């Protein structure tokens, strides 16, 4: 689903923003650490079952969004990143947080900006999306 450059970028990052939705429809976004194995994203945590993100997914609200981004440069201003929609499930996994329950995110669509090539001044000013992939 991801290009080689996108995979390299994702594997170089350790922080994402994860958005889930509650039973009442309230969106919840939180910055979390993650691991990426080339196909799935894994999100763990201390006492994960007590978190909103876990409870939202356990309640069957499995549609999620991720944003992984950073600044390639501040002068000139050059943000880059990948936005991902997908589904989440609770799985047993051994990762950065040790063995236990993790959220596994399976991507279904992604958009990336300034990953394949650095943005030109025109692209930065228009905030163009460079790459979109869907499965």
Protein backbone atom coordinates (compact mmCIF):
# COMPACT_ATOMS: atom_id res chain seq x y z
CA UNK A 1 0.00 0.00 0.00
CA UNK A 2 2.88 2.39 0.77
CA UNK A 3 5.78 3.36 -1.48
CA UNK A 4 9.36 2.60 -0.43
CA UNK A 5 9.91 6.24 0.57
CA UNK A 6 6.69 6.29 2.60
CA UNK A 7 7.67 3.07 4.39
CA UNK A 8 11.12 4.50 5.19
CA UNK A 9 9.49 7.66 6.53
CA UNK A 10 6.95 5.72 8.65
CA UNK A 11 9.70 3.54 10.11
CA UNK A 12 11.75 6.64 10.98
CA UNK A 13 8.95 8.11 13.10
CA UNK A 14 7.81 7.09 16.60
CA UNK A 15 4.87 9.42 17.30
CA UNK A 16 1.44 9.58 15.68
CA UNK A 17 -1.91 11.11 16.40
CA UNK A 18 -4.67 8.53 16.66
CA UNK A 19 -8.33 9.48 16.32
CA UNK A 20 -11.09 7.16 17.52
CA UNK A 21 -14.82 7.72 18.06
CA UNK A 22 -16.86 7.02 21.21
CA UNK A 23 -20.29 5.41 21.48
CA UNK A 24 -21.83 8.90 21.53
CA UNK A 25 -19.99 9.89 18.34
CA UNK A 26 -17.46 12.08 20.14
CA UNK A 27 -14.11 12.07 18.28
CA UNK A 28 -11.03 11.65 20.45
CA UNK A 29 -7.52 12.38 19.17
CA UNK A 30 -4.40 11.59 21.15
CA UNK A 31 -0.66 11.54 20.47
CA UNK A 32 0.72 8.02 20.90
CA UNK A 33 3.87 6.06 20.20
CA UNK A 34 3.64 3.45 17.46
CA UNK A 35 5.47 0.74 15.61
CA UNK A 36 5.07 -0.02 11.91
CA UNK A 37 5.90 -3.43 10.45
CA UNK A 38 5.41 -2.45 6.82
CA UNK A 39 1.76 -3.50 6.84
CA UNK A 40 0.20 -2.69 10.23
CA UNK A 41 0.61 -0.07 12.90
CA UNK A 42 0.82 -1.22 16.53
CA UNK A 43 -0.06 1.03 19.45
CA UNK A 44 0.58 -0.13 22.98
CA UNK A 45 0.71 1.63 26.29
CA UNK A 46 0.84 1.31 30.02
CA UNK A 47 -2.54 0.07 31.28
CA UNK A 48 -3.93 0.27 27.72
CA UNK A 49 -7.37 -1.21 28.60
CA UNK A 50 -8.17 1.84 30.77
CA UNK A 51 -7.68 4.32 27.90
CA UNK A 52 -10.41 5.94 25.80
CA UNK A 53 -8.87 4.74 22.55
CA UNK A 54 -8.96 1.13 23.76
CA UNK A 55 -12.51 1.43 25.10
CA UNK A 56 -13.75 3.01 21.87
CA UNK A 57 -12.31 0.17 19.79
CA UNK A 58 -13.42 -2.54 22.24
CA UNK A 59 -16.97 -1.13 21.95
CA UNK A 60 -16.87 -1.83 18.21
CA UNK A 61 -15.99 1.63 16.91
CA UNK A 62 -13.13 0.34 14.81
CA UNK A 63 -12.81 3.15 12.23
CA UNK A 64 -9.70 5.18 13.05
CA UNK A 65 -7.45 7.86 11.58
CA UNK A 66 -3.71 8.37 12.02
CA UNK A 67 -1.53 11.37 11.24
CA UNK A 68 2.24 10.92 11.20
CA UNK A 69 4.00 14.19 10.44
CA UNK A 70 6.99 16.37 11.12
CA UNK A 71 8.78 19.42 9.76
CA UNK A 72 11.52 18.72 7.24
CA UNK A 73 12.50 22.37 7.64
CA UNK A 74 11.21 25.47 9.38
CA UNK A 75 13.02 27.85 7.04
CA UNK A 76 11.65 27.45 4.49
CA UNK A 77 8.51 26.04 6.11
CA UNK A 78 8.25 22.46 4.86
CA UNK A 79 5.84 20.12 6.66
CA UNK A 80 5.64 16.50 5.54
CA UNK A 81 3.53 13.60 6.61
CA UNK A 82 1.05 10.84 5.98
CA UNK A 83 -2.63 10.70 6.91
CA UNK A 84 -4.17 7.23 7.14
CA UNK A 85 -7.70 5.89 7.53
CA UNK A 86 -8.15 2.30 8.62
CA UNK A 87 -9.63 -0.15 11.05
CA UNK A 88 -8.39 -1.12 14.49
CA UNK A 89 -8.53 -4.32 16.47
CA UNK A 90 -7.19 -5.44 19.81
CA UNK A 91 -4.50 -8.12 19.49
CA UNK A 92 -1.83 -9.83 21.55
CA UNK A 93 1.58 -8.59 20.43
CA UNK A 94 5.10 -8.20 21.69
CA UNK A 95 6.41 -4.75 20.88
CA UNK A 96 8.11 -1.72 22.30
CA UNK A 97 5.92 -1.90 25.42
CA UNK A 98 6.64 -5.62 25.91
CA UNK A 99 4.13 -8.43 25.50
CA UNK A 100 0.41 -7.75 25.93
CA UNK A 101 -2.56 -6.16 24.26
CA UNK A 102 -1.97 -3.68 21.47
CA UNK A 103 -4.15 -1.87 19.00
CA UNK A 104 -3.38 -3.07 15.49
CA UNK A 105 -4.33 -0.63 12.76
CA UNK A 106 -4.88 -1.94 9.24
CA UNK A 107 -4.69 0.95 6.75
CA UNK A 108 -7.29 1.24 3.99
CA UNK A 109 -6.44 4.62 2.44
CA UNK A 110 -3.56 7.07 2.83
CA UNK A 111 -2.50 10.51 1.70
CA UNK A 112 1.05 11.75 1.84
CA UNK A 113 2.65 15.12 1.35
CA UNK A 114 6.30 15.97 0.73
CA UNK A 115 7.44 12.39 1.25
CA UNK A 116 8.17 11.37 -2.34
CA UNK A 117 9.82 14.70 -3.22
CA UNK A 118 10.37 17.88 -1.23
CA UNK A 119 7.61 20.42 -1.81
CA UNK A 120 8.30 23.37 -4.01
CA UNK A 121 7.28 26.83 -2.85
CA UNK A 122 4.12 26.60 -4.98
CA UNK A 123 3.13 23.21 -3.54
CA UNK A 124 3.75 24.43 0.03
CA UNK A 125 1.56 27.47 -0.50
CA UNK A 126 -1.24 25.36 -1.99
CA UNK A 127 -0.84 22.62 0.65
CA UNK A 128 -1.08 20.00 -2.10
CA UNK A 129 -1.45 16.31 -1.46
CA UNK A 130 1.25 14.54 -3.42
CA UNK A 131 0.29 10.89 -3.07
CA UNK A 132 -2.97 9.02 -2.41
CA UNK A 133 -3.33 5.24 -2.21
CA UNK A 134 -6.33 3.09 -1.45
CA UNK A 135 -6.60 -0.65 -0.91
